Amino acid sequence: MEHEKKRIALIGIIVEEADSIERMNSILHEAGEYIVGRMGIPRVEEGINVISVVLNAPEEKINALSGKLGMCKGISSKVIYGKKR
């Protein structure tokens, strides 16, 4: 089996519907082996949560994770990749 090259990436997530938080956490849990760190900032006044997740994973896994998150109602996500080495 070929070794997949991993990349460092940051997924920025904005949660605008609290009903989607449980699903989001489940998706992130599934990718737990790739998560290096996570920070969440609740913005109670605005009724949103801002979350950043740092990953060290193959690019296809990162894209799949972001896609799953983006398909959840009330969740927006974007990926920023570190430069390839």
C-alpha atoms as a PDB file:
ATOM      1  CA  MET A   1       0.000   0.000   0.000  1.00  0.00           C
ATOM      2  CA  GLU A   2       1.351   3.395  -1.005  1.00  0.00           C
ATOM      3  CA  HIS A   3       2.006   5.884   1.787  1.00  0.00           C
ATOM      4  CA  GLU A   4      -0.297   8.913   1.422  1.00  0.00           C
ATOM      5  CA  LYS A   5       1.428  12.277   1.721  1.00  0.00           C
ATOM      6  CA  LYS A   6      -0.091  14.353   4.501  1.00  0.00           C
ATOM      7  CA  ARG A   7      -0.621  18.099   4.459  1.00  0.00           C
ATOM      8  CA  ILE A   8      -1.188  20.672   7.157  1.00  0.00           C
ATOM      9  CA  ALA A   9      -4.503  22.459   6.769  1.00  0.00           C
ATOM     10  CA  LEU A  10      -6.880  24.664   8.694  1.00  0.00           C
ATOM     11  CA  ILE A  11     -10.632  24.258   8.378  1.00  0.00           C
ATOM     12  CA  GLY A  12     -12.590  27.338   9.412  1.00  0.00           C
ATOM     13  CA  ILE A  13     -16.142  26.526  10.477  1.00  0.00           C
ATOM     14  CA  ILE A  14     -19.052  28.831  11.261  1.00  0.00           C
ATOM     15  CA  VAL A  15     -22.087  27.262  12.902  1.00  0.00           C
ATOM     16  CA  GLU A  16     -25.262  29.294  12.602  1.00  0.00           C
ATOM     17  CA  GLU A  17     -27.749  26.607  13.658  1.00  0.00           C
ATOM     18  CA  ALA A  18     -27.291  24.993  17.068  1.00  0.00           C
ATOM     19  CA  ASP A  19     -29.221  21.919  15.918  1.00  0.00           C
ATOM     20  CA  SER A  20     -26.248  21.044  13.681  1.00  0.00           C
ATOM     21  CA  ILE A  21     -23.613  21.030  16.440  1.00  0.00           C
ATOM     22  CA  GLU A  22     -24.120  17.370  17.363  1.00  0.00           C
ATOM     23  CA  ARG A  23     -23.723  16.274  13.726  1.00  0.00           C
ATOM     24  CA  MET A  24     -20.633  18.478  13.314  1.00  0.00           C
ATOM     25  CA  ASN A  25     -19.020  16.975  16.416  1.00  0.00           C
ATOM     26  CA  SER A  26     -19.762  13.478  15.116  1.00  0.00           C
ATOM     27  CA  ILE A  27     -18.080  14.280  11.783  1.00  0.00           C
ATOM     28  CA  LEU A  28     -15.048  15.750  13.550  1.00  0.00           C
ATOM     29  CA  HIS A  29     -14.853  12.721  15.849  1.00  0.00           C
ATOM     30  CA  GLU A  30     -14.667  10.446  12.785  1.00  0.00           C
ATOM     31  CA  ALA A  31     -11.598  12.415  11.631  1.00  0.00           C
ATOM     32  CA  GLY A  32     -10.037  12.505  15.098  1.00  0.00           C
ATOM     33  CA  GLU A  33      -6.853  10.697  14.078  1.00  0.00           C
ATOM     34  CA  TYR A  34      -5.986  13.620  11.775  1.00  0.00           C
ATOM     35  CA  ILE A  35      -6.918  16.511  14.083  1.00  0.00           C
ATOM     36  CA  VAL A  36      -3.916  18.275  15.606  1.00  0.00           C
ATOM     37  CA  GLY A  37      -5.880  20.958  17.445  1.00  0.00           C
ATOM     38  CA  ARG A  38      -9.253  22.624  17.690  1.00  0.00           C
ATOM     39  CA  MET A  39     -10.444  25.965  19.030  1.00  0.00           C
ATOM     40  CA  GLY A  40     -14.027  27.121  19.353  1.00  0.00           C
ATOM     41  CA  ILE A  41     -15.272  30.614  20.040  1.00  0.00           C
ATOM     42  CA  PRO A  42     -18.943  30.977  20.949  1.00  0.00           C
ATOM     43  CA  ARG A  43     -20.458  34.283  19.852  1.00  0.00           C
ATOM     44  CA  VAL A  44     -23.581  34.256  21.985  1.00  0.00           C
ATOM     45  CA  GLU A  45     -24.560  37.802  20.973  1.00  0.00           C
ATOM     46  CA  GLU A  46     -24.630  36.809  17.293  1.00  0.00           C
ATOM     47  CA  GLY A  47     -25.979  33.297  17.875  1.00  0.00           C
ATOM     48  CA  ILE A  48     -23.044  31.630  16.101  1.00  0.00           C
ATOM     49  CA  ASN A  49     -19.977  29.537  16.902  1.00  0.00           C
ATOM     50  CA  VAL A  50     -16.635  30.014  15.151  1.00  0.00           C
ATOM     51  CA  ILE A  51     -14.378  26.967  15.134  1.00  0.00           C
ATOM     52  CA  SER A  52     -10.914  26.367  13.735  1.00  0.00           C
ATOM     53  CA  VAL A  53      -9.576  22.851  13.257  1.00  0.00           C
ATOM     54  CA  VAL A  54      -5.940  22.128  12.385  1.00  0.00           C
ATOM     55  CA  LEU A  55      -5.339  18.883  10.512  1.00  0.00           C
ATOM     56  CA  ASN A  56      -2.391  16.805   9.374  1.00  0.00           C
ATOM     57  CA  ALA A  57      -3.983  14.512   6.803  1.00  0.00           C
ATOM     58  CA  PRO A  58      -4.002  13.426   3.168  1.00  0.00           C
ATOM     59  CA  GLU A  59      -5.572  16.116   0.979  1.00  0.00           C
ATOM     60  CA  GLU A  60      -8.471  13.861  -0.015  1.00  0.00           C
ATOM     61  CA  LYS A  61      -9.392  13.298   3.655  1.00  0.00           C
ATOM     62  CA  ILE A  62      -9.311  17.039   4.337  1.00  0.00           C
ATOM     63  CA  ASN A  63     -11.521  17.778   1.340  1.00  0.00           C
ATOM     64  CA  ALA A  64     -13.966  15.028   2.299  1.00  0.00           C
ATOM     65  CA  LEU A  65     -14.194  16.346   5.863  1.00  0.00           C
ATOM     66  CA  SER A  66     -14.826  19.895   4.700  1.00  0.00           C
ATOM     67  CA  GLY A  67     -17.450  18.657   2.252  1.00  0.00           C
ATOM     68  CA  LYS A  68     -19.294  16.683   4.933  1.00  0.00           C
ATOM     69  CA  LEU A  69     -19.291  19.709   7.223  1.00  0.00           C
ATOM     70  CA  GLY A  70     -20.486  22.013   4.452  1.00  0.00           C
ATOM     71  CA  MET A  71     -23.443  19.731   3.724  1.00  0.00           C
ATOM     72  CA  CYS A  72     -24.796  20.194   7.251  1.00  0.00           C
ATOM     73  CA  LYS A  73     -27.618  22.696   7.539  1.00  0.00           C
ATOM     74  CA  GLY A  74     -26.437  25.965   9.075  1.00  0.00           C
ATOM     75  CA  ILE A  75     -22.718  25.169   8.814  1.00  0.00           C
ATOM     76  CA  SER A  76     -20.190  26.856   6.519  1.00  0.00           C
ATOM     77  CA  SER A  77     -16.624  25.605   6.172  1.00  0.00           C
ATOM     78  CA  LYS A  78     -13.523  26.573   4.214  1.00  0.00           C
ATOM     79  CA  VAL A  79     -10.072  25.002   3.988  1.00  0.00           C
ATOM     80  CA  ILE A  80      -6.688  26.741   3.964  1.00  0.00           C
ATOM     81  CA  TYR A  81      -3.713  24.577   3.058  1.00  0.00           C
ATOM     82  CA  GLY A  82      -0.116  25.055   4.049  1.00  0.00           C
ATOM     83  CA  LYS A  83       2.329  25.254   1.166  1.00  0.00           C
ATOM     84  CA  LYS A  84       3.390  21.906  -0.234  1.00  0.00           C
ATOM     85  CA  ARG A  85       6.909  20.780   0.612  1.00  0.00           C
END
